[in-house]
Amino acid sequence: MKTLNTILLTIMTTIAAAQSTKTKPIMNKNITEVVIYQIKAEKRKDFSAILEKVRANVSQAPGFVSYKTLSWMREPNEFISSENTFIDIVEWKTLDDATNAMKAAEQNPAFGEFFYSIEKITMMGHFDFYK
């Protein structure tokens, strides 16, 4: 009888867990780092290679999850002042991981060319999901 009760309890728990997954959205608990920046015009043609080096290094940092880059599509826009505008979206497991990766990057010569390519940072911050 105990075995049957254990099996029934296991089945009921599994069904309840599956139903709660359907009714409650699973929220991503990662920290998202967003950086909006413009690069120097003379760096535009080399920027793809520069960015690939940065990604290769960043992806090795503890807590790294993903790295995406958006580039401005050059449509008329009063908010973006340069065709050399990019947005990096980097996901980290924790805020400490993001902070430590930035400190390490500032000391790593492999990031020098990337930092030198940047003309202006419009915004940089860390975000998590709101509700």
Protein backbone atom coordinates (compact mmCIF):
# COMPACT_ATOMS: atom_id res chain seq x y z
CA MET A 1 0.00 0.00 0.00
CA LYS A 2 2.87 2.38 0.82
CA THR A 3 4.35 1.76 -2.63
CA LEU A 4 1.05 2.57 -4.32
CA ASN A 5 0.70 5.77 -2.27
CA THR A 6 4.25 6.77 -3.17
CA ILE A 7 3.57 6.18 -6.87
CA LEU A 8 0.30 8.14 -6.73
CA LEU A 9 1.98 11.01 -4.86
CA THR A 10 4.79 11.09 -7.44
CA ILE A 11 2.31 11.16 -10.33
CA MET A 12 0.21 13.90 -8.69
CA THR A 13 3.32 15.99 -7.97
CA THR A 14 4.51 15.62 -11.58
CA ILE A 15 1.10 16.64 -12.95
CA ALA A 16 0.90 19.64 -10.59
CA ALA A 17 4.38 20.77 -11.57
CA ALA A 18 3.55 20.47 -15.27
CA GLN A 19 0.35 22.45 -14.84
CA SER A 20 2.04 25.22 -12.86
CA THR A 21 4.66 25.51 -15.61
CA LYS A 22 1.85 26.06 -18.10
CA THR A 23 0.15 28.74 -16.03
CA LYS A 24 3.21 30.60 -14.75
CA PRO A 25 5.75 32.00 -17.19
CA ILE A 26 9.28 30.96 -16.41
CA MET A 27 11.25 34.14 -15.86
CA ASN A 28 14.84 34.40 -16.92
CA LYS A 29 16.89 35.10 -13.79
CA ASN A 30 19.97 36.22 -15.67
CA ILE A 31 21.29 39.77 -15.58
CA THR A 32 21.24 41.58 -18.92
CA GLU A 33 23.96 44.11 -19.65
CA VAL A 34 23.01 46.70 -22.27
CA VAL A 35 25.57 49.04 -23.83
CA ILE A 36 24.64 51.60 -26.48
CA TYR A 37 27.68 53.14 -28.14
CA GLN A 38 29.07 54.73 -31.27
CA ILE A 39 32.34 53.69 -32.83
CA LYS A 40 34.79 55.95 -34.60
CA ALA A 41 34.00 56.23 -38.32
CA GLU A 42 37.50 55.11 -39.30
CA LYS A 43 37.02 51.86 -37.33
CA ARG A 44 33.81 50.85 -39.14
CA LYS A 45 35.43 48.62 -41.78
CA ASP A 46 37.48 46.71 -39.17
CA PHE A 47 34.84 46.60 -36.48
CA SER A 48 33.49 43.12 -37.27
CA ALA A 49 36.90 41.54 -36.67
CA ILE A 50 37.47 43.66 -33.55
CA LEU A 51 34.09 42.62 -32.14
CA GLU A 52 34.75 38.93 -32.80
CA LYS A 53 37.94 39.12 -30.70
CA VAL A 54 35.98 40.74 -27.88
CA ARG A 55 33.27 38.08 -28.02
CA ALA A 56 35.83 35.29 -27.92
CA ASN A 57 37.32 36.79 -24.74
CA VAL A 58 34.03 37.69 -23.05
CA SER A 59 32.60 34.22 -23.67
CA GLN A 60 35.38 32.77 -21.49
CA ALA A 61 34.43 34.86 -18.43
CA PRO A 62 32.81 33.11 -15.48
CA GLY A 63 29.02 33.49 -15.54
CA PHE A 64 28.83 34.36 -19.25
CA VAL A 65 25.54 33.31 -20.90
CA SER A 66 25.23 35.06 -24.27
CA TYR A 67 26.36 38.06 -26.33
CA LYS A 68 24.40 39.77 -29.11
CA THR A 69 25.15 42.94 -31.01
CA LEU A 70 22.61 45.10 -32.82
CA SER A 71 23.57 47.69 -35.40
CA TRP A 72 21.54 50.68 -36.48
CA MET A 73 19.65 50.10 -39.73
CA ARG A 74 20.08 53.73 -40.86
CA GLU A 75 16.39 54.56 -41.05
CA PRO A 76 15.45 58.16 -40.21
CA ASN A 77 15.54 58.46 -36.45
CA GLU A 78 15.79 61.49 -34.21
CA PHE A 79 17.17 59.44 -31.31
CA ILE A 80 20.20 57.91 -33.00
CA SER A 81 22.79 60.36 -34.23
CA SER A 82 25.27 58.09 -35.97
CA GLU A 83 25.24 55.24 -38.46
CA ASN A 84 28.07 53.82 -36.35
CA THR A 85 25.70 53.11 -33.43
CA PHE A 86 25.69 49.64 -31.88
CA ILE A 87 23.95 47.97 -28.97
CA ASP A 88 25.60 45.10 -27.14
CA ILE A 89 23.32 42.84 -25.12
CA VAL A 90 25.27 40.50 -22.87
CA GLU A 91 23.64 38.08 -20.46
CA TRP A 92 25.33 37.04 -17.23
CA LYS A 93 24.32 34.63 -14.51
CA THR A 94 24.80 37.28 -11.80
CA LEU A 95 25.54 40.98 -11.44
CA ASP A 96 28.86 40.06 -9.80
CA ASP A 97 29.80 38.05 -12.90
CA ALA A 98 29.07 41.07 -15.10
CA THR A 99 30.97 43.45 -12.83
CA ASN A 100 33.98 41.15 -12.52
CA ALA A 101 34.09 40.61 -16.29
CA MET A 102 34.18 44.36 -16.91
CA LYS A 103 36.97 44.86 -14.37
CA ALA A 104 38.95 42.06 -16.02
CA ALA A 105 38.34 43.51 -19.50
CA GLU A 106 39.67 46.90 -18.42
CA GLN A 107 42.96 45.20 -17.46
CA ASN A 108 43.16 42.86 -20.48
CA PRO A 109 45.18 44.15 -23.48
CA ALA A 110 42.98 42.02 -25.80
CA PHE A 111 40.21 44.60 -25.29
CA GLY A 112 42.39 47.63 -26.08
CA GLU A 113 41.49 47.85 -29.76
CA PHE A 114 37.79 47.55 -28.94
CA PHE A 115 37.91 50.29 -26.30
CA TYR A 116 39.94 52.50 -28.65
CA SER A 117 37.27 52.01 -31.37
CA ILE A 118 34.55 53.53 -29.21
CA GLU A 119 33.83 57.19 -29.80
CA LYS A 120 31.03 57.57 -27.27
CA ILE A 121 29.02 55.42 -24.85
CA THR A 122 25.44 56.64 -24.72
CA MET A 123 24.26 54.19 -22.06
CA MET A 124 25.55 51.23 -20.11
CA GLY A 125 23.62 49.40 -17.45
CA HIS A 126 22.53 46.12 -15.97
CA PHE A 127 18.92 44.99 -15.98
CA ASP A 128 16.77 42.13 -14.77
CA PHE A 129 13.20 41.21 -15.61
CA TYR A 130 10.55 43.43 -14.13
CA LYS A 131 7.61 41.40 -12.83
